[in-house]
Amino acid sequence: MTGSAPDSPTVLIVDDEVDILELLSYNFRSEGYTVHCAEDGDKALKVARDVQPDVIILDVMMPTIDGMEVCRRIRQDAHLRTTPVLMLTARTEEEHRIAGLNVGADAYLQKPTSIPVVLSQTEALLRTVQRHAAPPDRLQVHDLMIDRDRYQVIKRNGKDDTEISFPRQEFHLLYFLASHPGKVFTRDEILDAVWGPDVHVGTRTVDVHIRKIRQRIGSDYIETIQGVGYRFQQ
């Protein structure tokens, strides 16, 4: 089950009880979310990897793979490990709640709980992610120091540091990729993030700028993902 709204946060709701899925789906869509659903752990992992949601609502007691294991695997996935997870369970034991938090859940609600509480907790998780999402003005990745305020890139070589000059757009592209290490971006996503949605240039522009960046810093930092785009090495 899927619902969509443009430019809306995406939620993956995982529960083996159809009535709960339908109730939560309806309310999240009513609040403007794009909604994806899964009825078991196997499907949850597949959907999560396919859509990379902004937040996951995860039931604990499920067939095939329970919510604890799903959460554990999410935290091991490079593309999902920072995705906020809200666990729902009918279990009341404190040890169970602690176990959920220990495998990587960000918050834990006991069933039954009201829809407003689930929505409020979800919104709180998204606000926390947004507060931490903005990259810092200065990045230290591998042996590169990238200072956004000064448009400065320094490559550290033991005792000696080398400053590398970049044209403005190449600097922005390098900074964008380096601030999301391990995440794959398509050429269109890069164009939109670096050049902006109102600048109409071809995807070949990205390839040209990547090549020039590699000429300046070396070819080991930015990886080409064939048929998809690029990512900065973790």
Protein backbone atom coordinates (compact mmCIF):
# COMPACT_ATOMS: atom_id res chain seq x y z
CA MET A 1 0.00 0.00 0.00
CA THR A 2 1.38 3.36 -1.03
CA GLY A 3 0.21 6.92 -0.96
CA SER A 4 2.11 9.93 -2.22
CA ALA A 5 2.22 13.67 -1.88
CA PRO A 6 4.82 15.91 -3.54
CA ASP A 7 7.63 17.27 -1.33
CA SER A 8 6.22 15.51 1.72
CA PRO A 9 8.09 13.44 4.32
CA THR A 10 8.01 9.73 3.60
CA VAL A 11 7.00 7.28 6.31
CA LEU A 12 7.26 3.49 6.21
CA ILE A 13 4.70 1.85 8.51
CA VAL A 14 5.39 -1.78 9.44
CA ASP A 15 2.78 -3.86 11.23
CA ASP A 16 1.26 -7.31 10.68
CA GLU A 17 -2.19 -6.10 11.80
CA VAL A 18 -4.00 -4.78 8.73
CA ASP A 19 -6.41 -2.61 10.71
CA ILE A 20 -3.51 -0.81 12.39
CA LEU A 21 -1.78 -0.31 9.03
CA GLU A 22 -4.92 1.16 7.53
CA LEU A 23 -5.59 3.43 10.51
CA LEU A 24 -2.04 4.77 10.66
CA SER A 25 -1.83 5.10 6.87
CA TYR A 26 -5.02 7.14 6.71
CA ASN A 27 -3.91 9.51 9.45
CA PHE A 28 -0.39 10.00 8.13
CA ARG A 29 -1.73 10.70 4.64
CA SER A 30 -4.17 13.17 6.16
CA GLU A 31 -1.18 14.98 7.66
CA GLY A 32 0.50 15.19 4.25
CA TYR A 33 2.94 12.28 4.47
CA THR A 34 3.88 9.97 1.64
CA VAL A 35 3.06 6.54 3.06
CA HIS A 36 4.51 3.09 2.37
CA CYS A 37 3.42 -0.02 4.25
CA ALA A 38 4.77 -3.49 4.99
CA GLU A 39 3.12 -6.41 6.78
CA ASP A 40 6.23 -8.33 7.83
CA GLY A 41 9.94 -7.91 8.45
CA ASP A 42 11.16 -9.20 5.09
CA LYS A 43 8.97 -6.80 3.15
CA ALA A 44 9.84 -3.97 5.51
CA LEU A 45 13.55 -4.28 4.74
CA LYS A 46 12.93 -4.46 1.00
CA VAL A 47 10.64 -1.42 0.98
CA ALA A 48 13.00 0.53 3.24
CA ARG A 49 15.93 -0.09 0.89
CA ASP A 50 13.85 0.77 -2.16
CA VAL A 51 12.27 4.02 -0.95
CA GLN A 52 14.69 5.14 1.82
CA PRO A 53 11.95 6.72 3.98
CA ASP A 54 12.43 9.73 6.21
CA VAL A 55 11.07 7.84 9.21
CA ILE A 56 10.01 4.26 10.03
CA ILE A 57 7.15 3.21 12.34
CA LEU A 58 8.02 -0.35 13.32
CA ASP A 59 5.97 -2.96 15.16
CA VAL A 60 8.01 -5.40 17.24
CA MET A 61 6.01 -8.62 17.16
CA MET A 62 5.84 -9.73 13.51
CA PRO A 63 6.20 -12.90 11.42
CA THR A 64 9.35 -13.85 9.40
CA ILE A 65 11.60 -11.26 11.04
CA ASP A 66 10.60 -9.41 14.18
CA GLY A 67 10.97 -5.68 14.67
CA MET A 68 14.12 -6.01 16.78
CA GLU A 69 15.96 -7.77 13.97
CA VAL A 70 14.56 -5.40 11.36
CA CYS A 71 15.88 -2.45 13.37
CA ARG A 72 19.25 -4.12 13.82
CA ARG A 73 19.58 -4.64 10.06
CA ILE A 74 18.48 -1.09 9.33
CA ARG A 75 21.28 0.19 11.54
CA GLN A 76 23.76 -1.97 9.61
CA ASP A 77 22.65 -0.57 6.23
CA ALA A 78 24.75 2.37 5.01
CA HIS A 79 21.74 4.07 3.41
CA LEU A 80 19.34 3.58 6.33
CA ARG A 81 21.39 3.65 9.49
CA THR A 82 20.51 7.27 10.35
CA THR A 83 16.79 6.88 9.53
CA PRO A 84 14.76 7.53 12.68
CA VAL A 85 12.84 4.48 13.92
CA LEU A 86 9.79 4.62 16.18
CA MET A 87 8.99 1.23 17.67
CA LEU A 88 5.46 0.16 18.64
CA THR A 89 4.77 -2.87 20.83
CA ALA A 90 2.16 -4.40 23.06
CA ARG A 91 4.89 -5.70 25.38
CA THR A 92 5.07 -3.87 28.70
CA GLU A 93 8.34 -5.15 30.18
CA GLU A 94 11.00 -2.51 30.73
CA GLU A 95 13.70 -4.93 29.52
CA HIS A 96 11.88 -5.18 26.19
CA ARG A 97 11.89 -1.42 25.78
CA ILE A 98 15.57 -1.25 26.66
CA ALA A 99 16.32 -4.01 24.15
CA GLY A 100 14.56 -2.02 21.43
CA LEU A 101 16.54 1.10 22.18
CA ASN A 102 19.74 -0.92 22.32
CA VAL A 103 19.27 -2.24 18.78
CA GLY A 104 18.89 1.31 17.48
CA ALA A 105 15.30 2.49 17.93
CA ASP A 106 15.06 6.25 18.48
CA ALA A 107 11.77 6.14 20.37
CA TYR A 108 9.42 3.54 21.80
CA LEU A 109 5.64 3.65 22.26
CA GLN A 110 3.49 1.04 23.94
CA LYS A 111 0.30 -0.18 22.26
CA PRO A 112 -2.42 0.82 22.47
CA THR A 113 -1.52 4.47 21.98
CA SER A 114 -3.42 7.32 20.42
CA ILE A 115 -2.90 8.45 16.84
CA PRO A 116 -2.05 12.02 17.93
CA VAL A 117 0.75 10.66 20.13
CA VAL A 118 2.19 8.60 17.24
CA LEU A 119 2.01 11.62 14.92
CA SER A 120 3.53 13.92 17.50
CA GLN A 121 6.41 11.53 18.26
CA THR A 122 7.07 11.07 14.54
CA GLU A 123 7.17 14.82 13.96
CA ALA A 124 9.55 15.20 16.89
CA LEU A 125 11.91 12.62 15.37
CA LEU A 126 11.84 14.41 12.02
CA ARG A 127 12.60 17.75 13.67
CA THR A 128 15.58 16.21 15.42
CA VAL A 129 16.89 14.85 12.12
CA GLN A 130 16.42 18.23 10.43
CA ARG A 131 18.34 20.01 13.19
CA HIS A 132 21.28 17.72 12.63
CA ALA A 133 20.94 17.43 8.86
CA ALA A 134 22.57 20.71 7.93
CA PRO A 135 26.27 20.00 7.35
CA PRO A 136 28.80 22.06 9.30
CA ASP A 137 30.66 24.98 7.74
CA ARG A 138 33.88 22.97 7.96
CA LEU A 139 34.16 19.29 7.03
CA GLN A 140 37.02 16.93 7.82
CA VAL A 141 36.75 13.86 5.55
CA HIS A 142 39.64 11.47 5.06
CA ASP A 143 42.66 13.77 4.61
CA LEU A 144 40.62 16.69 3.27
CA MET A 145 39.51 19.74 5.24
CA ILE A 146 36.76 21.60 3.37
CA ASP A 147 35.85 25.06 4.68
CA ARG A 148 32.59 26.34 3.19
CA ASP A 149 32.96 29.88 4.53
CA ARG A 150 36.42 30.38 3.04
CA TYR A 151 35.95 28.29 -0.12
CA GLN A 152 39.07 26.48 1.00
CA VAL A 153 40.16 22.88 0.53
CA ILE A 154 43.25 21.66 2.35
CA LYS A 155 44.77 18.23 1.81
CA ARG A 156 46.66 17.07 4.86
CA ASN A 157 49.94 15.27 4.23
CA GLY A 158 51.36 14.52 7.63
CA LYS A 159 53.24 17.66 8.70
CA ASP A 160 52.62 19.45 5.41
CA ASP A 161 49.23 20.73 4.29
CA THR A 162 48.44 21.57 0.68
CA GLU A 163 45.76 24.09 -0.18
CA ILE A 164 43.88 23.23 -3.38
CA SER A 165 42.02 25.94 -5.29
CA PHE A 166 38.61 25.21 -6.76
CA PRO A 167 36.28 27.19 -9.00
CA ARG A 168 33.05 28.03 -7.17
CA GLN A 169 30.79 25.37 -8.71
CA GLU A 170 33.34 22.58 -8.36
CA PHE A 171 33.77 23.54 -4.71
CA HIS A 172 30.02 23.37 -4.12
CA LEU A 173 29.84 19.97 -5.79
CA LEU A 174 32.74 18.60 -3.73
CA TYR A 175 31.24 20.00 -0.52
CA PHE A 176 27.82 18.53 -1.29
CA LEU A 177 29.14 15.01 -1.91
CA ALA A 178 31.63 15.12 0.99
CA SER A 179 28.88 16.19 3.42
CA HIS A 180 26.97 12.96 2.62
CA PRO A 181 29.69 10.26 2.62
CA GLY A 182 28.46 6.87 1.48
CA LYS A 183 25.19 8.17 0.00
CA VAL A 184 24.62 7.63 -3.72
CA PHE A 185 23.23 10.59 -5.67
CA THR A 186 21.92 10.50 -9.20
CA ARG A 187 23.12 13.15 -11.64
CA ASP A 188 19.69 14.80 -11.53
CA GLU A 189 19.79 14.97 -7.73
CA ILE A 190 23.26 16.53 -7.88
CA LEU A 191 22.13 19.07 -10.46
CA ASP A 192 19.14 20.01 -8.33
CA ALA A 193 21.18 20.31 -5.11
CA VAL A 194 24.25 22.10 -6.52
CA TRP A 195 23.00 24.05 -9.54
CA GLY A 196 19.40 24.47 -8.38
CA PRO A 197 16.09 23.46 -9.96
CA ASP A 198 15.87 26.63 -12.08
CA VAL A 199 19.24 26.17 -13.82
CA HIS A 200 18.85 24.08 -16.95
CA VAL A 201 22.07 22.23 -17.75
CA GLY A 202 22.57 18.65 -18.90
CA THR A 203 23.63 15.76 -16.69
CA ARG A 204 26.89 15.65 -18.64
CA THR A 205 27.82 18.82 -16.72
CA VAL A 206 28.06 16.75 -13.54
CA ASP A 207 30.46 14.29 -15.19
CA VAL A 208 32.71 17.10 -16.40
CA HIS A 209 32.88 18.71 -12.96
CA ILE A 210 33.54 15.36 -11.24
CA ARG A 211 36.42 14.74 -13.64
CA LYS A 212 37.93 18.14 -12.84
CA ILE A 213 37.57 17.58 -9.09
CA ARG A 214 39.36 14.24 -9.42
CA GLN A 215 42.17 15.94 -11.29
CA ARG A 216 42.67 18.25 -8.32
CA ILE A 217 42.34 15.88 -5.35
CA GLY A 218 42.81 12.41 -6.85
CA SER A 219 40.44 9.70 -8.00
CA ASP A 220 40.06 7.85 -4.67
CA TYR A 221 37.44 10.07 -3.07
CA ILE A 222 34.45 10.09 -5.42
CA GLU A 223 33.15 6.76 -6.69
CA THR A 224 31.18 6.32 -9.90
CA ILE A 225 28.14 4.07 -9.45
CA GLN A 226 27.50 2.72 -12.93
CA GLY A 227 24.05 3.53 -14.25
CA VAL A 228 23.18 5.58 -11.18
CA GLY A 229 25.51 8.45 -10.27
CA TYR A 230 28.20 9.22 -7.71
CA ARG A 231 29.04 8.91 -4.04
CA PHE A 232 31.80 10.20 -1.80
CA GLN A 233 33.72 7.35 -0.17
CA GLN A 234 33.10 6.77 3.52
